[in-house]
Amino acid sequence: MSSTIISETEQWVRGKLSHDTSGHDWYHIERVTTLARYLCKDTQADEKTVILASLLHDLADDKLIDDEEVGRQMIATWLRDKHVSKEIIDHILLIISTMSFKGGTGSPMETLEGQIVQDADRLDALGAIGIARTFTYSGHKQQPMYDPSLPTREDMSVEEYRHGQSSAIHHFYEKLLKLPALMNTPKGMALAEERAQYMKSFLQQFYSEWTFKK
């Protein structure tokens, strides 16, 4: 697989996501790909499969498109036109199809490459950038910053997770702070714990300001 395929795929994905305002824009893809490269070092994973899956993963995500199958077919067509082998295309589509959290209902990753891409994507949902993306996405979905009257949801179906009533702060408990325990790789786990600690500090400050009384 040539490096030209990767550079062409970067440009294609950049064009598709350059105007996204949900926190899943090109810069998210760029960060995830950088993280995936880091996690891939000193492993037996196929780096080009990892990079392509990282670049393409949000083009078949139901947060961004109405029909995930249409997205997968678009990705498969792109890769076939670039003469990527069927085996690698199938592997990339498997990674993309099973990497999303979806309320904690997703299947475990079957391959090392998939574990790396999933960890990289989840790391970008943590830390300072994770905080910023959470509020960006909640605003995009017209959800409140915080509503203390809402319960924290557990054991959600995909439908409930995607469309149920929630808030940006609730999302920390419904997904984000669960991610460190779900990481696949040692380096991913270490980074996730560090970033989650930052988020916990943010929440402490948030609540102190929310309940402030003179």
Protein backbone atom coordinates (compact mmCIF):
# COMPACT_ATOMS: atom_id res chain seq x y z
CA MET A 1 0.00 0.00 0.00
CA SER A 2 1.62 3.26 -1.09
CA SER A 3 1.99 6.43 0.97
CA THR A 4 0.15 8.21 -1.87
CA ILE A 5 -3.08 6.47 -0.81
CA ILE A 6 -2.71 7.91 2.68
CA SER A 7 -2.07 11.47 1.46
CA GLU A 8 -4.97 11.26 -1.00
CA THR A 9 -7.24 9.90 1.72
CA GLU A 10 -6.22 12.74 4.03
CA GLN A 11 -7.27 15.27 1.42
CA TRP A 12 -10.54 13.47 0.70
CA VAL A 13 -11.53 13.26 4.36
CA ARG A 14 -10.47 16.86 4.98
CA GLY A 15 -12.87 17.93 2.24
CA LYS A 16 -15.70 15.85 3.69
CA LEU A 17 -15.35 17.13 7.28
CA SER A 18 -13.84 20.60 6.92
CA HIS A 19 -17.15 22.34 7.75
CA ASP A 20 -18.23 20.09 10.63
CA THR A 21 -19.25 21.96 13.80
CA SER A 22 -20.08 18.97 16.01
CA GLY A 23 -16.54 18.28 17.25
CA HIS A 24 -15.95 15.63 14.57
CA ASP A 25 -14.15 17.88 12.12
CA TRP A 26 -10.88 17.34 10.23
CA TYR A 27 -8.81 18.40 13.26
CA HIS A 28 -10.40 15.61 15.31
CA ILE A 29 -9.41 13.16 12.57
CA GLU A 30 -5.88 14.58 12.50
CA ARG A 31 -5.50 14.23 16.28
CA VAL A 32 -6.87 10.68 16.29
CA THR A 33 -4.48 9.69 13.50
CA THR A 34 -1.52 11.20 15.39
CA LEU A 35 -2.53 9.35 18.56
CA ALA A 36 -2.96 6.11 16.60
CA ARG A 37 0.53 6.44 15.12
CA TYR A 38 1.90 6.85 18.65
CA LEU A 39 0.00 3.84 20.01
CA CYS A 40 1.08 1.79 17.00
CA LYS A 41 4.80 2.24 17.67
CA ASP A 42 6.63 -0.84 18.97
CA THR A 43 3.67 -3.12 18.17
CA GLN A 44 3.05 -5.74 15.51
CA ALA A 45 0.08 -3.79 14.14
CA ASP A 46 -0.08 -2.89 10.44
CA GLU A 47 0.49 0.86 10.55
CA LYS A 48 -1.09 1.74 7.21
CA THR A 49 -4.30 -0.10 8.12
CA VAL A 50 -4.33 1.79 11.42
CA ILE A 51 -3.80 5.13 9.68
CA LEU A 52 -6.45 4.57 7.01
CA ALA A 53 -9.02 3.41 9.56
CA SER A 54 -8.23 6.45 11.73
CA LEU A 55 -8.65 8.80 8.80
CA LEU A 56 -11.91 7.25 7.60
CA HIS A 57 -13.69 6.27 10.82
CA ASP A 58 -16.16 9.16 11.09
CA LEU A 59 -17.39 8.91 7.51
CA ALA A 60 -19.61 6.00 8.57
CA ASP A 61 -20.67 7.20 12.03
CA ASP A 62 -24.38 7.61 12.77
CA LYS A 63 -23.62 10.83 14.66
CA LEU A 64 -22.73 12.40 11.32
CA ILE A 65 -24.72 10.54 8.66
CA ASP A 66 -28.23 9.13 8.39
CA ASP A 67 -27.23 5.70 7.08
CA GLU A 68 -24.03 4.02 8.29
CA GLU A 69 -24.20 1.42 5.51
CA VAL A 70 -24.12 4.17 2.89
CA GLY A 71 -21.02 5.54 4.61
CA ARG A 72 -19.34 2.14 4.66
CA GLN A 73 -20.07 1.63 0.97
CA MET A 74 -18.61 5.06 0.19
CA ILE A 75 -15.44 4.15 2.08
CA ALA A 76 -15.20 0.74 0.38
CA THR A 77 -15.60 2.33 -3.05
CA TRP A 78 -12.90 4.90 -2.30
CA LEU A 79 -10.45 2.21 -1.17
CA ARG A 80 -11.24 -0.10 -4.09
CA ASP A 81 -10.62 2.75 -6.51
CA LYS A 82 -7.21 3.16 -4.86
CA HIS A 83 -6.52 -0.55 -5.44
CA VAL A 84 -6.47 -1.46 -1.75
CA SER A 85 -6.85 -5.22 -1.28
CA LYS A 86 -10.21 -6.67 -0.28
CA GLU A 87 -8.65 -8.11 2.89
CA ILE A 88 -7.51 -4.68 4.08
CA ILE A 89 -10.79 -3.02 3.06
CA ASP A 90 -12.76 -5.62 5.03
CA HIS A 91 -10.47 -5.09 8.02
CA ILE A 92 -10.88 -1.31 7.92
CA LEU A 93 -14.67 -1.62 7.67
CA LEU A 94 -14.70 -4.05 10.61
CA ILE A 95 -12.77 -1.53 12.71
CA ILE A 96 -15.06 1.34 11.74
CA SER A 97 -18.22 -0.72 12.35
CA THR A 98 -17.28 -1.79 15.88
CA MET A 99 -15.28 1.09 17.36
CA SER A 100 -18.09 3.39 18.54
CA PHE A 101 -19.12 3.51 22.22
CA LYS A 102 -22.89 3.69 21.51
CA GLY A 103 -23.94 3.68 25.13
CA GLY A 104 -21.49 0.92 26.04
CA THR A 105 -23.26 -1.64 23.84
CA GLY A 106 -20.44 -2.09 21.31
CA SER A 107 -18.64 -5.37 20.67
CA PRO A 108 -14.99 -5.82 21.73
CA MET A 109 -12.40 -5.08 19.07
CA GLU A 110 -11.18 -8.25 17.35
CA THR A 111 -7.78 -7.04 16.09
CA LEU A 112 -4.80 -5.10 17.42
CA GLU A 113 -5.26 -2.51 14.70
CA GLY A 114 -8.85 -2.00 15.78
CA GLN A 115 -7.87 -1.72 19.43
CA ILE A 116 -5.34 1.00 18.57
CA VAL A 117 -7.78 3.04 16.47
CA GLN A 118 -10.50 2.73 19.12
CA ASP A 119 -8.12 3.85 21.86
CA ALA A 120 -6.95 6.83 19.79
CA ASP A 121 -10.54 7.94 19.14
CA ARG A 122 -11.46 7.57 22.80
CA LEU A 123 -8.41 9.52 23.94
CA ASP A 124 -9.64 12.50 21.92
CA ALA A 125 -12.85 12.36 23.98
CA LEU A 126 -10.83 12.86 27.18
CA GLY A 127 -8.75 15.65 28.70
CA ALA A 128 -9.05 19.34 27.86
CA ILE A 129 -9.99 18.67 24.25
CA GLY A 130 -12.54 16.10 25.40
CA ILE A 131 -14.15 18.73 27.62
CA ALA A 132 -14.29 21.23 24.75
CA ARG A 133 -15.71 18.64 22.36
CA THR A 134 -18.36 17.59 24.87
CA PHE A 135 -19.80 21.09 25.12
CA THR A 136 -19.47 21.61 21.38
CA TYR A 137 -21.41 18.43 20.62
CA SER A 138 -24.06 19.12 23.27
CA GLY A 139 -24.66 22.54 21.74
CA HIS A 140 -24.81 20.94 18.30
CA LYS A 141 -27.49 18.54 19.62
CA GLN A 142 -29.31 21.40 21.40
CA GLN A 143 -28.76 19.82 24.79
CA PRO A 144 -28.24 21.98 27.89
CA MET A 145 -24.86 22.58 29.49
CA TYR A 146 -26.21 21.05 32.72
CA ASP A 147 -29.61 20.20 34.14
CA PRO A 148 -29.35 18.86 37.72
CA SER A 149 -32.94 17.61 37.56
CA LEU A 150 -32.00 14.96 34.98
CA PRO A 151 -30.92 11.49 36.12
CA THR A 152 -27.63 9.97 34.98
CA ARG A 153 -28.57 7.25 32.52
CA GLU A 154 -27.25 3.68 32.81
CA ASP A 155 -27.66 0.55 30.64
CA MET A 156 -28.85 2.52 27.63
CA SER A 157 -29.86 1.17 24.24
CA VAL A 158 -28.21 2.81 21.23
CA GLU A 159 -31.47 4.69 20.59
CA GLU A 160 -31.59 5.99 24.18
CA TYR A 161 -27.93 6.95 24.09
CA ARG A 162 -28.25 8.86 20.83
CA HIS A 163 -31.65 10.50 21.32
CA GLY A 164 -32.53 10.45 25.03
CA GLN A 165 -32.58 13.58 27.18
CA SER A 166 -29.20 14.45 28.70
CA SER A 167 -26.74 17.32 29.20
CA ALA A 168 -23.06 18.01 28.59
CA ILE A 169 -22.18 17.37 32.24
CA HIS A 170 -24.18 14.14 32.32
CA HIS A 171 -22.17 12.92 29.32
CA PHE A 172 -19.06 12.84 31.52
CA TYR A 173 -20.68 10.13 33.64
CA GLU A 174 -22.64 8.36 30.91
CA LYS A 175 -19.56 7.84 28.72
CA LEU A 176 -16.35 9.79 29.20
CA LEU A 177 -15.26 8.75 32.69
CA LYS A 178 -15.98 5.12 31.78
CA LEU A 179 -13.45 5.16 28.94
CA PRO A 180 -10.19 4.60 30.90
CA ALA A 181 -11.45 1.19 32.07
CA LEU A 182 -12.33 0.28 28.48
CA MET A 183 -8.97 1.06 26.88
CA ASN A 184 -7.23 -1.74 25.01
CA THR A 185 -3.54 -0.82 25.00
CA PRO A 186 -1.12 -0.07 27.87
CA LYS A 187 -0.09 3.30 26.42
CA GLY A 188 -3.74 4.13 25.78
CA MET A 189 -4.66 3.27 29.37
CA ALA A 190 -1.91 5.50 30.78
CA LEU A 191 -2.93 8.49 28.67
CA ALA A 192 -6.62 7.91 29.41
CA GLU A 193 -6.07 7.92 33.17
CA GLU A 194 -4.07 11.15 32.95
CA ARG A 195 -6.71 12.87 30.84
CA ALA A 196 -9.59 11.58 32.98
CA GLN A 197 -7.98 13.04 36.10
CA TYR A 198 -7.96 16.44 34.42
CA MET A 199 -11.67 16.04 33.65
CA LYS A 200 -12.44 15.15 37.26
CA SER A 201 -10.66 18.32 38.40
CA PHE A 202 -12.72 20.31 35.92
CA LEU A 203 -15.95 18.80 37.29
CA GLN A 204 -14.99 19.71 40.85
CA GLN A 205 -14.44 23.32 39.79
CA PHE A 206 -17.66 23.31 37.75
CA TYR A 207 -19.77 22.18 40.71
CA SER A 208 -18.10 24.66 43.07
CA GLU A 209 -19.05 27.48 40.73
CA TRP A 210 -22.54 26.09 40.02
CA THR A 211 -23.40 25.97 43.74
CA PHE A 212 -21.54 29.14 44.70
CA LYS A 213 -23.18 31.21 47.43
CA LYS A 214 -21.92 34.42 49.01
